[in-house]
């Protein structure tokens, strides 16, 4: 586990950043007053978080662990480990955000999705999708799928055959 200490730190940083972002979203009204903006904006910010965390995490691994030389496979494995750590932490992150920061978020989002004029959801679908269980499952799969994609991209950017 000592060889994945850097990935553990960056996975924890990602989770903390996501909780802070949940607090910011709540306070700017994206969980109630401006809920129609939340999903799209949240996804855009999430991509930025992934890019930043993976870039700096893999770069630190290259510098500190591999002494400046890292191939694509090593970089990808580092990013994949960050993804696994984020996936493991995601149930706690989701619970914290939607239990403590924004406990009424799911009711607000269900009401919005059921009553919106363009492509409304049925109440049953909305209740299943916008629930703690649904968000935990989505967070695990998102952190693994988007995380592996970001790991592959950042591995391309950060690989270095020799000191350049």
N, C-alpha and C. Protein backbone atom coordinates (compact mmCIF):
# COMPACT_ATOMS: atom_id res chain seq x y z
N UNK A 1 0.82 -1.20 0.00
CA UNK A 1 0.00 0.00 0.00
C UNK A 1 0.86 1.26 0.00
N UNK A 2 2.09 1.14 0.50
CA UNK A 2 2.98 2.29 0.52
C UNK A 2 3.22 2.85 -0.88
N UNK A 3 3.21 1.98 -1.88
CA UNK A 3 3.44 2.44 -3.25
C UNK A 3 2.24 3.21 -3.81
N UNK A 4 1.10 3.15 -3.13
CA UNK A 4 -0.08 3.88 -3.59
C UNK A 4 -0.49 5.00 -2.62
N UNK A 5 0.47 5.45 -1.83
CA UNK A 5 0.21 6.52 -0.87
C UNK A 5 -0.18 7.82 -1.59
N UNK A 6 0.47 8.11 -2.69
CA UNK A 6 0.18 9.33 -3.46
C UNK A 6 -1.25 9.26 -4.00
N UNK A 7 -1.63 8.13 -4.57
CA UNK A 7 -2.98 7.97 -5.12
C UNK A 7 -4.04 8.09 -4.01
N UNK A 8 -3.74 7.55 -2.84
CA UNK A 8 -4.67 7.65 -1.72
C UNK A 8 -4.89 9.11 -1.35
N UNK A 9 -3.82 9.87 -1.27
CA UNK A 9 -3.93 11.30 -0.94
C UNK A 9 -4.79 12.04 -1.97
N UNK A 10 -4.56 11.78 -3.27
CA UNK A 10 -5.30 12.49 -4.31
C UNK A 10 -6.75 12.02 -4.38
N UNK A 11 -7.01 10.76 -4.09
CA UNK A 11 -8.39 10.27 -4.02
C UNK A 11 -9.15 10.93 -2.88
N UNK A 12 -8.49 11.09 -1.75
CA UNK A 12 -9.11 11.77 -0.60
C UNK A 12 -9.32 13.24 -0.92
N UNK A 13 -8.34 13.88 -1.57
CA UNK A 13 -8.50 15.28 -1.96
C UNK A 13 -9.68 15.48 -2.90
N UNK A 14 -9.84 14.55 -3.85
CA UNK A 14 -10.98 14.63 -4.76
C UNK A 14 -12.29 14.57 -3.98
N UNK A 15 -12.39 13.63 -3.06
CA UNK A 15 -13.61 13.45 -2.27
C UNK A 15 -13.91 14.69 -1.43
N UNK A 16 -12.88 15.26 -0.81
CA UNK A 16 -13.06 16.49 -0.04
C UNK A 16 -13.49 17.65 -0.94
N UNK A 17 -12.85 17.76 -2.10
CA UNK A 17 -13.22 18.83 -3.04
C UNK A 17 -14.67 18.68 -3.48
N UNK A 18 -15.12 17.45 -3.69
CA UNK A 18 -16.50 17.21 -4.10
C UNK A 18 -17.48 17.60 -2.99
N UNK A 19 -17.12 17.33 -1.75
CA UNK A 19 -17.98 17.74 -0.63
C UNK A 19 -18.05 19.26 -0.52
N UNK A 20 -16.91 19.92 -0.68
CA UNK A 20 -16.90 21.38 -0.66
C UNK A 20 -17.73 21.93 -1.82
N UNK A 21 -17.62 21.30 -2.99
CA UNK A 21 -18.42 21.73 -4.13
C UNK A 21 -19.91 21.54 -3.86
N UNK A 22 -20.28 20.45 -3.20
CA UNK A 22 -21.68 20.24 -2.82
C UNK A 22 -22.19 21.38 -1.95
N UNK A 23 -21.36 21.84 -1.02
CA UNK A 23 -21.70 22.97 -0.15
C UNK A 23 -21.88 24.24 -0.98
N UNK A 24 -20.97 24.46 -1.94
CA UNK A 24 -21.06 25.65 -2.81
C UNK A 24 -22.33 25.59 -3.65
N UNK A 25 -22.61 24.42 -4.27
CA UNK A 25 -23.83 24.27 -5.06
C UNK A 25 -25.07 24.60 -4.24
N UNK A 26 -25.12 24.09 -3.04
CA UNK A 26 -26.26 24.33 -2.17
C UNK A 26 -26.42 25.82 -1.89
N UNK A 27 -25.31 26.49 -1.62
CA UNK A 27 -25.36 27.90 -1.24
C UNK A 27 -25.60 28.86 -2.40
N UNK A 28 -25.33 28.43 -3.64
CA UNK A 28 -25.66 29.31 -4.77
C UNK A 28 -27.05 29.00 -5.33
N UNK A 29 -27.73 28.05 -4.71
CA UNK A 29 -29.11 27.78 -5.07
C UNK A 29 -29.32 26.67 -6.08
N UNK A 30 -28.28 25.94 -6.43
CA UNK A 30 -28.44 24.87 -7.43
C UNK A 30 -29.15 23.64 -6.88
N UNK A 31 -29.42 23.59 -5.60
CA UNK A 31 -30.15 22.46 -5.03
C UNK A 31 -31.61 22.81 -4.75
N UNK A 32 -32.00 24.03 -5.07
CA UNK A 32 -33.39 24.42 -4.88
C UNK A 32 -33.82 25.49 -5.88
N UNK A 33 -33.50 26.74 -5.63
CA UNK A 33 -33.97 27.85 -6.46
C UNK A 33 -33.57 27.72 -7.94
N UNK A 34 -32.34 27.34 -8.21
CA UNK A 34 -31.83 27.21 -9.58
C UNK A 34 -31.53 25.76 -9.93
N UNK A 35 -32.39 24.87 -9.46
CA UNK A 35 -32.15 23.43 -9.63
C UNK A 35 -32.07 23.02 -11.10
N UNK A 36 -32.69 23.80 -11.97
CA UNK A 36 -32.66 23.48 -13.39
C UNK A 36 -31.24 23.59 -13.97
N UNK A 37 -30.36 24.31 -13.30
CA UNK A 37 -28.97 24.45 -13.75
C UNK A 37 -28.03 23.42 -13.14
N UNK A 38 -28.47 22.70 -12.14
CA UNK A 38 -27.57 21.88 -11.35
C UNK A 38 -26.92 20.73 -12.11
N UNK A 39 -27.68 19.91 -12.79
CA UNK A 39 -27.12 18.70 -13.40
C UNK A 39 -26.04 19.00 -14.43
N UNK A 40 -26.31 19.89 -15.35
CA UNK A 40 -25.33 20.22 -16.38
C UNK A 40 -24.09 20.87 -15.82
N UNK A 41 -24.28 21.84 -14.93
CA UNK A 41 -23.14 22.52 -14.33
C UNK A 41 -22.33 21.59 -13.45
N UNK A 42 -23.01 20.73 -12.72
CA UNK A 42 -22.32 19.77 -11.85
C UNK A 42 -21.41 18.86 -12.68
N UNK A 43 -21.92 18.40 -13.81
CA UNK A 43 -21.12 17.51 -14.66
C UNK A 43 -19.89 18.23 -15.22
N UNK A 44 -20.05 19.48 -15.64
CA UNK A 44 -18.91 20.25 -16.15
C UNK A 44 -17.84 20.44 -15.07
N UNK A 45 -18.27 20.78 -13.86
CA UNK A 45 -17.33 20.97 -12.76
C UNK A 45 -16.68 19.63 -12.41
N UNK A 46 -17.43 18.56 -12.45
CA UNK A 46 -16.90 17.23 -12.16
C UNK A 46 -15.77 16.88 -13.13
N UNK A 47 -15.94 17.18 -14.40
CA UNK A 47 -14.89 16.91 -15.39
C UNK A 47 -13.63 17.72 -15.07
N UNK A 48 -13.81 18.98 -14.68
CA UNK A 48 -12.67 19.81 -14.31
C UNK A 48 -11.97 19.22 -13.08
N UNK A 49 -12.74 18.81 -12.08
CA UNK A 49 -12.16 18.19 -10.88
C UNK A 49 -11.33 16.96 -11.26
N UNK A 50 -11.91 16.11 -12.10
CA UNK A 50 -11.18 14.91 -12.53
C UNK A 50 -9.88 15.29 -13.23
N UNK A 51 -9.94 16.22 -14.15
CA UNK A 51 -8.75 16.60 -14.90
C UNK A 51 -7.66 17.14 -13.97
N UNK A 52 -8.03 18.01 -13.06
CA UNK A 52 -7.06 18.62 -12.15
C UNK A 52 -6.47 17.57 -11.21
N UNK A 53 -7.32 16.79 -10.58
CA UNK A 53 -6.85 15.78 -9.61
C UNK A 53 -5.96 14.76 -10.29
N UNK A 54 -6.37 14.25 -11.43
CA UNK A 54 -5.58 13.23 -12.11
C UNK A 54 -4.27 13.80 -12.64
N UNK A 55 -4.31 15.00 -13.16
CA UNK A 55 -3.09 15.62 -13.67
C UNK A 55 -2.06 15.75 -12.54
N UNK A 56 -2.46 16.39 -11.45
CA UNK A 56 -1.51 16.63 -10.37
C UNK A 56 -1.14 15.35 -9.62
N UNK A 57 -2.09 14.43 -9.48
CA UNK A 57 -1.79 13.16 -8.81
C UNK A 57 -0.79 12.32 -9.59
N UNK A 58 -1.02 12.16 -10.88
CA UNK A 58 -0.12 11.36 -11.71
C UNK A 58 1.23 12.08 -11.86
N UNK A 59 1.19 13.39 -11.97
CA UNK A 59 2.44 14.15 -12.07
C UNK A 59 3.29 14.00 -10.80
N UNK A 60 2.62 14.04 -9.65
CA UNK A 60 3.35 13.83 -8.40
C UNK A 60 3.94 12.42 -8.34
N UNK A 61 3.19 11.44 -8.80
CA UNK A 61 3.68 10.06 -8.82
C UNK A 61 4.92 9.96 -9.71
N UNK A 62 4.84 10.58 -10.87
CA UNK A 62 5.98 10.56 -11.79
C UNK A 62 7.21 11.20 -11.14
N UNK A 63 7.01 12.32 -10.50
CA UNK A 63 8.13 13.06 -9.91
C UNK A 63 8.69 12.35 -8.67
N UNK A 64 7.82 11.98 -7.75
CA UNK A 64 8.27 11.47 -6.45
C UNK A 64 8.60 9.98 -6.46
N UNK A 65 7.84 9.20 -7.17
CA UNK A 65 8.00 7.74 -7.12
C UNK A 65 8.87 7.21 -8.25
N UNK A 66 8.68 7.76 -9.44
CA UNK A 66 9.42 7.28 -10.62
C UNK A 66 10.58 8.19 -11.01
N UNK A 67 10.88 9.20 -10.18
CA UNK A 67 12.02 10.09 -10.40
C UNK A 67 12.01 10.76 -11.78
N UNK A 68 10.84 11.16 -12.22
CA UNK A 68 10.70 11.93 -13.45
C UNK A 68 10.52 11.11 -14.72
N UNK A 69 10.65 9.80 -14.63
CA UNK A 69 10.50 8.94 -15.82
C UNK A 69 9.33 7.98 -15.56
N UNK A 70 8.33 8.03 -16.44
CA UNK A 70 7.12 7.21 -16.24
C UNK A 70 6.54 6.88 -17.60
N UNK A 71 6.28 5.60 -17.83
CA UNK A 71 5.66 5.23 -19.10
C UNK A 71 4.14 5.31 -18.98
N UNK A 72 3.45 5.11 -20.10
CA UNK A 72 1.99 5.24 -20.12
C UNK A 72 1.34 4.26 -19.16
N UNK A 73 1.80 3.03 -19.15
CA UNK A 73 1.21 1.99 -18.30
C UNK A 73 1.32 2.36 -16.82
N UNK A 74 2.47 2.83 -16.40
CA UNK A 74 2.66 3.22 -15.00
C UNK A 74 1.76 4.40 -14.65
N UNK A 75 1.67 5.36 -15.56
CA UNK A 75 0.81 6.52 -15.34
C UNK A 75 -0.66 6.11 -15.29
N UNK A 76 -1.06 5.21 -16.18
CA UNK A 76 -2.44 4.75 -16.20
C UNK A 76 -2.78 4.00 -14.92
N UNK A 77 -1.89 3.14 -14.46
CA UNK A 77 -2.13 2.39 -13.22
C UNK A 77 -2.29 3.35 -12.05
N UNK A 78 -1.47 4.38 -12.01
CA UNK A 78 -1.59 5.39 -10.96
C UNK A 78 -2.97 6.05 -11.01
N UNK A 79 -3.40 6.44 -12.20
CA UNK A 79 -4.72 7.05 -12.35
C UNK A 79 -5.84 6.07 -12.04
N UNK A 80 -5.67 4.82 -12.42
CA UNK A 80 -6.68 3.80 -12.13
C UNK A 80 -6.82 3.60 -10.62
N UNK A 81 -5.72 3.67 -9.91
CA UNK A 81 -5.79 3.54 -8.44
C UNK A 81 -6.51 4.74 -7.82
N UNK A 82 -6.29 5.92 -8.36
CA UNK A 82 -7.04 7.08 -7.89
C UNK A 82 -8.53 6.83 -8.11
N UNK A 83 -8.89 6.27 -9.26
CA UNK A 83 -10.30 5.97 -9.56
C UNK A 83 -10.89 4.99 -8.55
N UNK A 84 -10.14 3.96 -8.23
CA UNK A 84 -10.62 2.95 -7.28
C UNK A 84 -10.82 3.58 -5.90
N UNK A 85 -9.89 4.41 -5.49
CA UNK A 85 -10.00 5.07 -4.19
C UNK A 85 -11.20 6.01 -4.16
N UNK A 86 -11.39 6.77 -5.22
CA UNK A 86 -12.56 7.65 -5.30
C UNK A 86 -13.84 6.83 -5.27
N UNK A 87 -13.87 5.70 -5.98
CA UNK A 87 -15.06 4.83 -5.99
C UNK A 87 -15.34 4.28 -4.59
N UNK A 88 -14.30 3.90 -3.87
CA UNK A 88 -14.47 3.37 -2.51
C UNK A 88 -15.00 4.45 -1.58
N UNK A 89 -14.52 5.67 -1.75
CA UNK A 89 -14.94 6.79 -0.90
C UNK A 89 -16.28 7.40 -1.31
N UNK A 90 -16.73 7.12 -2.52
CA UNK A 90 -17.93 7.80 -3.04
C UNK A 90 -19.20 7.57 -2.22
N UNK A 91 -19.46 6.40 -1.66
CA UNK A 91 -20.66 6.30 -0.82
C UNK A 91 -20.62 7.26 0.37
N UNK A 92 -19.46 7.40 0.99
CA UNK A 92 -19.34 8.34 2.12
C UNK A 92 -19.51 9.78 1.65
N UNK A 93 -18.93 10.10 0.51
CA UNK A 93 -19.04 11.45 -0.04
C UNK A 93 -20.50 11.78 -0.35
N UNK A 94 -21.18 10.87 -1.03
CA UNK A 94 -22.58 11.10 -1.37
C UNK A 94 -23.44 11.22 -0.12
N UNK A 95 -23.21 10.35 0.85
CA UNK A 95 -23.97 10.40 2.10
C UNK A 95 -23.77 11.75 2.79
N UNK A 96 -22.52 12.19 2.86
CA UNK A 96 -22.24 13.46 3.52
C UNK A 96 -22.94 14.62 2.81
N UNK A 97 -22.83 14.67 1.49
CA UNK A 97 -23.43 15.78 0.74
C UNK A 97 -24.95 15.79 0.89
N UNK A 98 -25.57 14.65 0.70
CA UNK A 98 -27.04 14.63 0.63
C UNK A 98 -27.73 14.32 1.95
N UNK A 99 -26.95 14.06 2.99
CA UNK A 99 -27.54 13.89 4.32
C UNK A 99 -27.30 15.13 5.18
N UNK A 100 -26.10 15.71 5.08
CA UNK A 100 -25.76 16.85 5.93
C UNK A 100 -25.82 18.20 5.21
N UNK A 101 -25.28 18.29 4.02
CA UNK A 101 -25.22 19.57 3.32
C UNK A 101 -26.56 19.93 2.69
N UNK A 102 -27.17 18.98 2.01
CA UNK A 102 -28.40 19.26 1.27
C UNK A 102 -29.42 18.13 1.44
N UNK A 103 -29.98 18.00 2.65
CA UNK A 103 -30.88 16.87 2.91
C UNK A 103 -32.19 16.89 2.11
N UNK A 104 -32.58 18.04 1.58
CA UNK A 104 -33.82 18.11 0.81
C UNK A 104 -33.59 18.05 -0.70
N UNK A 105 -32.34 17.80 -1.12
CA UNK A 105 -31.99 17.79 -2.53
C UNK A 105 -32.83 16.80 -3.33
N UNK A 106 -32.96 15.58 -2.86
CA UNK A 106 -33.66 14.56 -3.65
C UNK A 106 -35.13 14.91 -3.84
N UNK A 107 -35.79 15.42 -2.81
CA UNK A 107 -37.19 15.84 -2.96
C UNK A 107 -37.30 16.99 -3.96
N UNK A 108 -36.37 17.93 -3.89
CA UNK A 108 -36.38 19.07 -4.81
C UNK A 108 -36.17 18.60 -6.25
N UNK A 109 -35.21 17.70 -6.46
CA UNK A 109 -34.90 17.24 -7.81
C UNK A 109 -36.04 16.37 -8.36
N UNK A 110 -36.64 15.55 -7.53
CA UNK A 110 -37.78 14.73 -7.98
C UNK A 110 -38.92 15.64 -8.43
N UNK A 111 -39.25 16.63 -7.62
CA UNK A 111 -40.34 17.56 -7.97
C UNK A 111 -40.01 18.29 -9.27
N UNK A 112 -38.78 18.72 -9.43
CA UNK A 112 -38.39 19.42 -10.65
C UNK A 112 -38.50 18.51 -11.87
N UNK A 113 -37.97 17.30 -11.78
CA UNK A 113 -37.96 16.38 -12.92
C UNK A 113 -39.37 15.94 -13.31
N UNK A 114 -40.25 15.78 -12.35
CA UNK A 114 -41.62 15.34 -12.64
C UNK A 114 -42.44 16.46 -13.27
N UNK A 115 -42.19 17.70 -12.86
CA UNK A 115 -43.02 18.82 -13.32
C UNK A 115 -42.41 19.68 -14.41
N UNK A 116 -41.19 19.37 -14.86
CA UNK A 116 -40.62 20.20 -15.92
C UNK A 116 -41.37 20.00 -17.22
N UNK A 117 -41.33 21.00 -18.09
CA UNK A 117 -42.14 20.95 -19.31
C UNK A 117 -41.49 20.15 -20.42
N UNK A 118 -40.17 20.13 -20.49
CA UNK A 118 -39.47 19.39 -21.54
C UNK A 118 -38.95 18.08 -20.95
N UNK A 119 -39.39 16.97 -21.52
CA UNK A 119 -38.97 15.63 -21.13
C UNK A 119 -39.10 15.35 -19.62
N UNK A 120 -40.30 15.47 -19.07
CA UNK A 120 -40.47 15.16 -17.64
C UNK A 120 -40.30 13.66 -17.39
N UNK A 121 -39.95 13.31 -16.17
CA UNK A 121 -39.82 11.91 -15.76
C UNK A 121 -41.11 11.50 -15.04
N UNK A 122 -41.40 10.22 -15.06
CA UNK A 122 -42.49 9.75 -14.22
C UNK A 122 -42.02 9.84 -12.77
N UNK A 123 -42.97 9.92 -11.88
CA UNK A 123 -42.60 10.04 -10.46
C UNK A 123 -41.83 8.81 -9.99
N UNK A 124 -42.25 7.62 -10.43
CA UNK A 124 -41.54 6.39 -10.03
C UNK A 124 -40.10 6.40 -10.51
N UNK A 125 -39.88 6.80 -11.77
CA UNK A 125 -38.52 6.86 -12.31
C UNK A 125 -37.68 7.88 -11.55
N UNK A 126 -38.26 9.03 -11.30
CA UNK A 126 -37.53 10.09 -10.59
C UNK A 126 -37.17 9.66 -9.17
N UNK A 127 -38.08 8.98 -8.49
CA UNK A 127 -37.82 8.52 -7.12
C UNK A 127 -36.68 7.50 -7.11
N UNK A 128 -36.66 6.61 -8.10
CA UNK A 128 -35.57 5.63 -8.18
C UNK A 128 -34.23 6.28 -8.51
N UNK A 129 -34.26 7.21 -9.46
CA UNK A 129 -33.02 7.83 -9.93
C UNK A 129 -32.44 8.80 -8.90
N UNK A 130 -33.30 9.63 -8.31
CA UNK A 130 -32.86 10.65 -7.37
C UNK A 130 -33.08 10.18 -5.94
N UNK A 131 -32.24 9.26 -5.54
CA UNK A 131 -32.27 8.70 -4.18
C UNK A 131 -30.83 8.49 -3.73
N UNK A 132 -30.64 8.29 -2.45
CA UNK A 132 -29.29 8.06 -1.93
C UNK A 132 -28.70 6.81 -2.58
N UNK A 133 -29.47 5.75 -2.64
CA UNK A 133 -28.98 4.50 -3.25
C UNK A 133 -28.63 4.74 -4.72
N UNK A 134 -29.50 5.42 -5.46
CA UNK A 134 -29.25 5.70 -6.86
C UNK A 134 -28.01 6.54 -7.07
N UNK A 135 -27.82 7.56 -6.23
CA UNK A 135 -26.65 8.43 -6.38
C UNK A 135 -25.36 7.72 -5.96
N UNK A 136 -25.43 6.85 -4.99
CA UNK A 136 -24.24 6.10 -4.60
C UNK A 136 -23.82 5.17 -5.73
N UNK A 137 -24.77 4.48 -6.33
CA UNK A 137 -24.47 3.59 -7.45
C UNK A 137 -23.91 4.39 -8.62
N UNK A 138 -24.54 5.51 -8.94
CA UNK A 138 -24.06 6.37 -10.03
C UNK A 138 -22.65 6.89 -9.74
N UNK A 139 -22.39 7.27 -8.50
CA UNK A 139 -21.08 7.81 -8.13
C UNK A 139 -19.99 6.76 -8.28
N UNK A 140 -20.28 5.53 -7.89
CA UNK A 140 -19.29 4.45 -8.02
C UNK A 140 -18.97 4.21 -9.48
N UNK A 141 -20.00 4.07 -10.31
CA UNK A 141 -19.77 3.81 -11.73
C UNK A 141 -19.15 5.01 -12.45
N UNK A 142 -19.55 6.22 -12.09
CA UNK A 142 -18.97 7.41 -12.69
C UNK A 142 -17.50 7.53 -12.32
N UNK A 143 -17.18 7.30 -11.05
CA UNK A 143 -15.79 7.43 -10.64
C UNK A 143 -14.91 6.39 -11.32
N UNK A 144 -15.44 5.22 -11.58
CA UNK A 144 -14.65 4.20 -12.27
C UNK A 144 -14.56 4.48 -13.77
N UNK A 145 -15.69 4.76 -14.41
CA UNK A 145 -15.67 4.94 -15.86
C UNK A 145 -15.00 6.26 -16.26
N UNK A 146 -15.45 7.37 -15.72
CA UNK A 146 -14.85 8.66 -16.04
C UNK A 146 -13.41 8.72 -15.53
N UNK A 147 -13.18 8.10 -14.39
CA UNK A 147 -11.83 8.07 -13.83
C UNK A 147 -10.85 7.32 -14.72
N UNK A 148 -11.25 6.19 -15.26
CA UNK A 148 -10.36 5.43 -16.14
C UNK A 148 -10.11 6.17 -17.46
N UNK A 149 -11.13 6.84 -17.96
CA UNK A 149 -10.94 7.64 -19.17
C UNK A 149 -9.95 8.78 -18.89
N UNK A 150 -10.14 9.46 -17.77
CA UNK A 150 -9.24 10.56 -17.41
C UNK A 150 -7.83 10.04 -17.13
N UNK A 151 -7.73 8.87 -16.51
CA UNK A 151 -6.42 8.27 -16.25
C UNK A 151 -5.69 7.99 -17.56
N UNK A 152 -6.41 7.47 -18.54
CA UNK A 152 -5.79 7.17 -19.84
C UNK A 152 -5.34 8.45 -20.53
N UNK A 153 -6.16 9.49 -20.49
CA UNK A 153 -5.80 10.76 -21.13
C UNK A 153 -4.62 11.42 -20.43
N UNK A 154 -4.65 11.46 -19.11
CA UNK A 154 -3.56 12.08 -18.37
C UNK A 154 -2.27 11.26 -18.49
N UNK A 155 -2.41 9.96 -18.63
CA UNK A 155 -1.22 9.12 -18.84
C UNK A 155 -0.54 9.49 -20.15
N UNK A 156 -1.34 9.78 -21.17
CA UNK A 156 -0.77 10.23 -22.44
C UNK A 156 -0.04 11.57 -22.28
N UNK A 157 -0.63 12.46 -21.52
CA UNK A 157 -0.06 13.78 -21.33
C UNK A 157 1.21 13.73 -20.47
N UNK A 158 1.21 12.86 -19.46
CA UNK A 158 2.27 12.90 -18.46
C UNK A 158 3.37 11.84 -18.62
N UNK A 159 3.21 10.93 -19.56
CA UNK A 159 4.27 9.92 -19.73
C UNK A 159 5.55 10.61 -20.15
N UNK A 160 6.66 10.08 -19.71
CA UNK A 160 7.95 10.65 -20.05
C UNK A 160 8.97 9.53 -20.06
N UNK A 161 9.57 9.30 -21.22
CA UNK A 161 10.54 8.21 -21.38
C UNK A 161 11.88 8.54 -20.75
N UNK A 162 12.29 9.78 -20.84
CA UNK A 162 13.52 10.21 -20.22
C UNK A 162 13.35 11.64 -19.75
N UNK A 163 14.25 12.09 -18.94
CA UNK A 163 14.12 13.46 -18.44
C UNK A 163 14.24 14.44 -19.59
N UNK A 164 13.17 15.21 -19.77
CA UNK A 164 13.10 16.15 -20.89
C UNK A 164 13.37 17.56 -20.41
